[in-house]
Amino acid sequence: MTLTDEDCLPETLAFNEQFEAAAESRPARAQVPSAATLALLRRNRLGGDTPPVRLPQGQDRVVEGVKVRVFVPDRVDGVYLHIHGGGWVFGSADGQDGRLWRLAEQARLAVVSVDYRLAPEHPFPAGPDDCEAAARWLVEHASSAFGTERLLIGGESAGAHLSVLTLLRLRDRHGITGAFRAAHLLFGPYDLSMTPSQRDFGARKLLSNTDTIRGSYELFTPGMGAEQRRSPEVSPLFADLAGLPPARIVVGTEDPLLDDSLFLAARWQAAGVPVQLGVVAGAMHGFTLFPLTVTERQLRRERDFLASA
């Protein structure tokens, strides 16, 4: 395992300490949030009460019955299907307008962010169904809608998981391979029966920990046991990855999902598909949401990867 951004380690670890100390003062959240708690958290994926800023460059559309948010720069050299994170329970397509618009302009990509249905109101397979539908629409209509057939896909956390499931569904259900040129996967969960790093992380309050992960799985896949969650349709780590596009997989060393990215990268490589693995020294889960030096570096690397794929 090769670490990146070791020169930023003091800043990154100091931020982790501050975040964990602040989290200790917050009341514990119930495993099954109330409707009021869900509404509050969904206004801001970090749990505050300030709604995210919606930029005028974003356009809300509906494709194949699925809500999407679209950003189109003056020059379009490709289309990036973005799938947001939030444990399949929180987050929204308009939660990162600033980041997605910058990516659209700098990488010359039309960005289509999927506002997929959320658990617990809409558990598995509702979210994957919506992402699959949006991806199929792009395969069929990207040329007429955006003037290009060059497609890319990616997301963070649950969005990274849904990105891989979407590629597998396109291949296995529709025989579609090669339509998406690359996948960019940030700190995703790929084994919902829990990898060792998930089980062993414990109660540290670094945005995500063993209990919050387990709770997310219960909300997303209610009634499933560990063996059912090992199905490739749920946990892409157990799927045949042949025919998937080149990928860039990124995770921090202080992330309970560390093993997921390490294991997925190994399986991607074993399938004969090019893969880049970035393991960020000291970074916690969701680190790209915060104003850190490593965040700016990783977002720049994401842009460069997608622009050149």
Protein backbone atom coordinates (compact mmCIF):
# COMPACT_ATOMS: atom_id res chain seq x y z
CA MET A 1 0.00 0.00 0.00
CA THR A 2 1.51 3.33 -1.09
CA LEU A 3 0.41 6.42 0.81
CA THR A 4 -0.18 9.80 -0.81
CA ASP A 5 -0.04 13.28 0.72
CA GLU A 6 2.14 12.29 3.67
CA ASP A 7 3.43 15.87 3.78
CA CYS A 8 -0.10 16.96 4.75
CA LEU A 9 -0.34 14.43 7.58
CA PRO A 10 0.00 16.93 10.49
CA GLU A 11 -2.80 19.13 9.13
CA THR A 12 -5.01 16.15 8.33
CA LEU A 13 -4.60 14.51 11.75
CA ALA A 14 -5.14 17.82 13.54
CA PHE A 15 -8.40 18.27 11.68
CA ASN A 16 -9.46 14.74 12.65
CA GLU A 17 -8.82 15.53 16.31
CA GLN A 18 -10.88 18.71 16.11
CA PHE A 19 -13.71 16.93 14.33
CA GLU A 20 -13.75 14.07 16.83
CA ALA A 21 -13.69 16.44 19.81
CA ALA A 22 -16.61 18.44 18.42
CA ALA A 23 -18.54 15.24 17.71
CA GLU A 24 -18.21 14.12 21.34
CA SER A 25 -20.42 17.03 22.41
CA ARG A 26 -23.22 16.08 20.06
CA PRO A 27 -25.99 13.80 21.32
CA ALA A 28 -25.93 10.21 20.12
CA ARG A 29 -28.21 9.55 17.17
CA ALA A 30 -30.72 6.74 17.20
CA GLN A 31 -30.06 3.78 14.90
CA VAL A 32 -33.40 4.49 13.19
CA PRO A 33 -33.67 8.30 12.90
CA SER A 34 -37.02 9.93 13.39
CA ALA A 35 -38.71 11.72 10.48
CA ALA A 36 -37.72 15.08 12.01
CA THR A 37 -34.07 14.03 12.36
CA LEU A 38 -34.01 12.75 8.79
CA ALA A 39 -35.47 16.03 7.53
CA LEU A 40 -32.81 18.03 9.40
CA LEU A 41 -29.92 15.92 8.24
CA ARG A 42 -31.12 15.89 4.67
CA ARG A 43 -31.03 19.68 4.52
CA ASN A 44 -27.30 19.46 5.04
CA ARG A 45 -25.40 16.22 4.56
CA LEU A 46 -23.04 17.18 7.41
CA GLY A 47 -25.89 17.37 9.90
CA GLY A 48 -26.26 21.15 10.23
CA ASP A 49 -29.32 23.27 9.67
CA THR A 50 -28.05 25.35 6.73
CA PRO A 51 -29.27 24.20 3.32
CA PRO A 52 -26.61 23.78 0.63
CA VAL A 53 -26.19 26.62 -1.84
CA ARG A 54 -27.99 25.99 -5.14
CA LEU A 55 -26.19 27.59 -8.06
CA PRO A 56 -28.10 29.05 -11.00
CA GLN A 57 -25.92 26.96 -13.35
CA GLY A 58 -27.67 23.82 -12.13
CA GLN A 59 -30.75 22.61 -13.99
CA ASP A 60 -33.28 20.22 -12.48
CA ARG A 61 -34.58 17.67 -14.96
CA VAL A 62 -36.38 14.33 -14.98
CA VAL A 63 -35.11 11.49 -17.19
CA GLU A 64 -36.82 8.10 -17.31
CA GLY A 65 -38.82 9.15 -14.25
CA VAL A 66 -35.64 9.92 -12.25
CA LYS A 67 -34.74 13.38 -10.98
CA VAL A 68 -31.28 14.62 -12.00
CA ARG A 69 -29.39 17.87 -11.65
CA VAL A 70 -27.42 18.93 -14.71
CA PHE A 71 -24.48 21.29 -15.18
CA VAL A 72 -23.44 22.15 -18.74
CA PRO A 73 -20.32 24.30 -19.37
CA ASP A 74 -19.70 26.24 -22.58
CA ARG A 75 -17.54 23.42 -23.94
CA VAL A 76 -18.51 19.78 -23.44
CA ASP A 77 -16.00 17.00 -24.13
CA GLY A 78 -17.83 14.32 -22.15
CA VAL A 79 -20.57 13.58 -19.63
CA TYR A 80 -19.95 12.65 -16.00
CA LEU A 81 -22.72 10.72 -14.25
CA HIS A 82 -22.30 11.68 -10.61
CA ILE A 83 -23.89 9.74 -7.75
CA HIS A 84 -23.86 11.47 -4.37
CA GLY A 85 -23.05 9.90 -1.02
CA GLY A 86 -24.82 9.95 2.32
CA GLY A 87 -25.21 6.34 3.37
CA TRP A 88 -28.15 5.81 0.94
CA VAL A 89 -30.19 7.79 3.50
CA PHE A 90 -28.90 11.38 3.30
CA GLY A 91 -27.57 13.70 0.62
CA SER A 92 -29.05 15.04 -2.59
CA ALA A 93 -28.10 15.93 -6.14
CA ASP A 94 -28.01 19.64 -5.23
CA GLY A 95 -25.79 19.17 -2.17
CA GLN A 96 -22.50 19.91 -3.99
CA ASP A 97 -23.39 22.48 -6.64
CA GLY A 98 -20.15 24.42 -6.18
CA ARG A 99 -17.91 21.38 -6.52
CA LEU A 100 -19.82 19.94 -9.47
CA TRP A 101 -19.92 23.22 -11.37
CA ARG A 102 -16.16 23.68 -10.91
CA LEU A 103 -15.60 20.14 -12.16
CA ALA A 104 -17.86 20.79 -15.16
CA GLU A 105 -15.97 23.95 -16.16
CA GLN A 106 -12.44 22.73 -15.47
CA ALA A 107 -12.79 19.24 -16.97
CA ARG A 108 -15.13 20.38 -19.78
CA LEU A 109 -17.77 17.88 -18.75
CA ALA A 110 -21.52 18.03 -18.59
CA VAL A 111 -22.29 16.74 -15.10
CA VAL A 112 -25.50 14.80 -14.48
CA SER A 113 -26.05 14.15 -10.76
CA VAL A 114 -28.68 11.56 -9.84
CA ASP A 115 -31.24 12.45 -7.16
CA TYR A 116 -31.97 8.81 -6.42
CA ARG A 117 -34.61 7.71 -3.93
CA LEU A 118 -33.38 7.40 -0.36
CA ALA A 119 -33.80 4.79 2.36
CA PRO A 120 -35.48 4.05 4.70
CA GLU A 121 -38.55 5.22 2.79
CA HIS A 122 -37.18 3.62 -0.37
CA PRO A 123 -34.78 0.78 0.54
CA PHE A 124 -32.80 -1.46 -1.81
CA PRO A 125 -33.25 -1.76 -4.76
CA ALA A 126 -34.88 1.65 -5.29
CA GLY A 127 -31.65 3.69 -5.30
CA PRO A 128 -29.78 1.32 -7.62
CA ASP A 129 -32.81 1.20 -9.91
CA ASP A 130 -32.79 5.00 -10.28
CA CYS A 131 -29.05 5.12 -11.00
CA GLU A 132 -29.39 2.35 -13.57
CA ALA A 133 -32.23 4.19 -15.30
CA ALA A 134 -30.25 7.43 -15.47
CA ALA A 135 -27.20 5.60 -16.84
CA ARG A 136 -29.22 3.85 -19.52
CA TRP A 137 -30.76 7.18 -20.54
CA LEU A 138 -27.26 8.63 -20.96
CA VAL A 139 -26.10 5.67 -23.03
CA GLU A 140 -29.04 6.22 -25.38
CA HIS A 141 -29.29 10.02 -25.37
CA ALA A 142 -25.94 11.61 -24.44
CA SER A 143 -25.10 12.30 -28.07
CA SER A 144 -28.34 14.16 -28.79
CA ALA A 145 -28.55 15.85 -25.38
CA PHE A 146 -24.90 16.88 -24.93
CA GLY A 147 -23.17 16.31 -28.25
CA THR A 148 -20.85 13.55 -27.05
CA GLU A 149 -20.86 9.81 -26.42
CA ARG A 150 -17.90 9.95 -24.01
CA LEU A 151 -19.37 8.88 -20.66
CA LEU A 152 -17.79 8.74 -17.19
CA ILE A 153 -19.25 7.71 -13.83
CA GLY A 154 -18.40 8.13 -10.18
CA GLY A 155 -19.35 9.24 -6.72
CA GLU A 156 -18.39 9.30 -3.09
CA SER A 157 -19.20 6.83 -0.29
CA ALA A 158 -22.61 5.31 -1.04
CA GLY A 159 -22.37 6.99 -4.44
CA ALA A 160 -19.20 5.04 -5.21
CA HIS A 161 -21.00 1.82 -4.27
CA LEU A 162 -23.94 2.73 -6.50
CA SER A 163 -21.58 3.63 -9.34
CA VAL A 164 -20.08 0.13 -9.38
CA LEU A 165 -23.53 -1.49 -9.08
CA THR A 166 -24.69 0.62 -12.03
CA LEU A 167 -21.83 -0.56 -14.23
CA LEU A 168 -22.51 -4.17 -13.26
CA ARG A 169 -26.23 -3.81 -13.98
CA LEU A 170 -25.56 -2.27 -17.40
CA ARG A 171 -23.29 -5.21 -18.24
CA ASP A 172 -25.36 -8.03 -16.75
CA ARG A 173 -28.90 -6.83 -17.50
CA HIS A 174 -28.42 -5.00 -20.78
CA GLY A 175 -25.16 -6.25 -22.26
CA ILE A 176 -23.71 -2.74 -22.16
CA THR A 177 -19.93 -2.55 -21.72
CA GLY A 178 -17.56 0.14 -22.87
CA ALA A 179 -20.13 2.94 -22.86
CA PHE A 180 -18.56 4.43 -19.73
CA ARG A 181 -14.87 5.14 -20.25
CA ALA A 182 -13.84 5.45 -16.58
CA ALA A 183 -15.06 5.30 -12.98
CA HIS A 184 -13.95 7.58 -10.14
CA LEU A 185 -14.69 6.03 -6.75
CA LEU A 186 -14.18 7.91 -3.48
CA PHE A 187 -14.16 5.99 -0.17
CA GLY A 188 -17.02 3.61 -1.00
CA PRO A 189 -18.48 0.61 0.86
CA TYR A 190 -18.20 -2.42 -1.38
CA ASP A 191 -18.87 -5.26 1.09
CA LEU A 192 -22.10 -4.69 3.00
CA SER A 193 -21.47 -7.81 5.09
CA MET A 194 -18.63 -5.71 6.60
CA THR A 195 -14.90 -5.92 5.88
CA PRO A 196 -12.42 -6.24 8.79
CA SER A 197 -11.70 -2.49 8.82
CA GLN A 198 -15.42 -1.77 9.13
CA ARG A 199 -15.86 -4.18 12.02
CA ASP A 200 -12.68 -3.14 13.84
CA PHE A 201 -12.92 0.67 13.53
CA GLY A 202 -14.97 1.02 16.70
CA ALA A 203 -16.75 4.08 18.06
CA ARG A 204 -14.42 6.89 16.92
CA LYS A 205 -16.62 9.75 15.74
CA LEU A 206 -14.90 10.52 12.46
CA LEU A 207 -18.06 11.11 10.39
CA SER A 208 -18.47 7.34 10.05
CA ASN A 209 -17.71 4.42 12.36
CA THR A 210 -18.65 0.80 12.94
CA ASP A 211 -22.08 1.55 14.43
CA THR A 212 -23.12 4.19 11.89
CA ILE A 213 -22.08 1.94 9.02
CA ARG A 214 -24.03 -0.99 10.44
CA GLY A 215 -27.03 1.30 10.93
CA SER A 216 -26.86 2.49 7.31
CA TYR A 217 -26.87 -1.10 6.08
CA GLU A 218 -29.93 -1.86 8.19
CA LEU A 219 -31.78 1.09 6.67
CA PHE A 220 -30.69 0.40 3.10
CA THR A 221 -31.14 -3.38 3.16
CA PRO A 222 -33.69 -4.05 5.92
CA GLY A 223 -34.22 -7.67 6.83
CA MET A 224 -31.07 -8.90 5.08
CA GLY A 225 -28.48 -10.94 6.93
CA ALA A 226 -24.75 -10.91 6.30
CA GLU A 227 -24.92 -13.75 3.79
CA GLN A 228 -27.64 -12.01 1.75
CA ARG A 229 -25.60 -8.82 1.77
CA ARG A 230 -22.69 -10.72 0.21
CA SER A 231 -24.70 -11.13 -2.98
CA PRO A 232 -22.90 -9.42 -5.88
CA GLU A 233 -26.13 -7.52 -6.54
CA VAL A 234 -25.67 -5.83 -3.14
CA SER A 235 -21.92 -5.98 -2.51
CA PRO A 236 -19.89 -5.42 -5.70
CA LEU A 237 -16.71 -6.71 -4.05
CA PHE A 238 -18.07 -10.22 -4.71
CA ALA A 239 -18.98 -9.57 -8.36
CA ASP A 240 -17.10 -10.53 -11.50
CA LEU A 241 -15.53 -7.21 -12.52
CA ALA A 242 -14.53 -8.20 -16.05
CA GLY A 243 -15.52 -5.68 -18.67
CA LEU A 244 -15.72 -2.72 -16.31
CA PRO A 245 -13.87 0.47 -17.26
CA PRO A 246 -10.58 1.75 -15.83
CA ALA A 247 -11.02 3.17 -12.34
CA ARG A 248 -9.45 5.49 -9.83
CA ILE A 249 -10.19 4.37 -6.25
CA VAL A 250 -9.42 6.72 -3.33
CA VAL A 251 -9.65 6.22 0.45
CA GLY A 252 -8.05 7.59 3.62
CA THR A 253 -6.11 5.57 6.16
CA GLU A 254 -8.44 6.70 8.99
CA ASP A 255 -11.57 5.52 7.17
CA PRO A 256 -13.50 2.45 8.40
CA LEU A 257 -13.99 1.62 4.71
CA LEU A 258 -10.24 1.37 4.06
CA ASP A 259 -10.32 -2.37 3.38
CA ASP A 260 -13.20 -1.97 0.93
CA SER A 261 -11.12 0.19 -1.39
CA LEU A 262 -7.97 -1.90 -0.98
CA PHE A 263 -9.85 -5.13 -1.72
CA LEU A 264 -11.83 -3.67 -4.63
CA ALA A 265 -8.68 -2.28 -6.24
CA ALA A 266 -7.06 -5.72 -6.01
CA ARG A 267 -10.08 -7.39 -7.57
CA TRP A 268 -10.27 -4.70 -10.31
CA GLN A 269 -6.65 -5.40 -11.15
CA ALA A 270 -7.20 -9.17 -11.02
CA ALA A 271 -9.99 -8.74 -13.59
CA GLY A 272 -7.41 -7.30 -15.97
CA VAL A 273 -8.78 -3.76 -15.81
CA PRO A 274 -6.51 -0.74 -15.23
CA VAL A 275 -6.91 0.77 -11.78
CA GLN A 276 -5.30 3.61 -9.84
CA LEU A 277 -5.37 3.38 -6.05
CA GLY A 278 -4.91 6.47 -3.89
CA VAL A 279 -4.55 5.90 -0.13
CA VAL A 280 -4.47 9.29 1.59
CA ALA A 281 -2.38 9.45 4.75
CA GLY A 282 -4.44 10.32 7.82
CA ALA A 283 -7.65 11.12 5.95
CA MET A 284 -11.00 10.18 7.48
CA HIS A 285 -14.18 9.13 5.74
CA GLY A 286 -15.69 11.93 3.67
CA PHE A 287 -12.56 14.08 3.89
CA THR A 288 -13.25 15.73 0.52
CA LEU A 289 -16.21 17.52 2.11
CA PHE A 290 -13.88 19.66 4.21
CA PRO A 291 -11.47 22.55 3.39
CA LEU A 292 -8.18 20.67 3.64
CA THR A 293 -5.03 20.69 1.55
CA VAL A 294 -5.55 17.02 0.74
CA THR A 295 -9.09 17.84 -0.41
CA GLU A 296 -7.87 20.35 -2.98
CA ARG A 297 -5.25 17.91 -4.20
CA GLN A 298 -7.66 15.03 -4.54
CA LEU A 299 -10.29 17.12 -6.32
CA ARG A 300 -7.60 18.28 -8.76
CA ARG A 301 -6.54 14.67 -9.35
CA GLU A 302 -10.18 13.71 -9.86
CA ARG A 303 -10.56 16.46 -12.45
CA ASP A 304 -7.39 15.44 -14.26
CA PHE A 305 -8.37 11.75 -14.24
CA LEU A 306 -11.84 12.42 -15.65
CA ALA A 307 -10.59 14.97 -18.19
CA SER A 308 -8.03 12.56 -19.61
CA ALA A 309 -9.98 9.27 -19.37
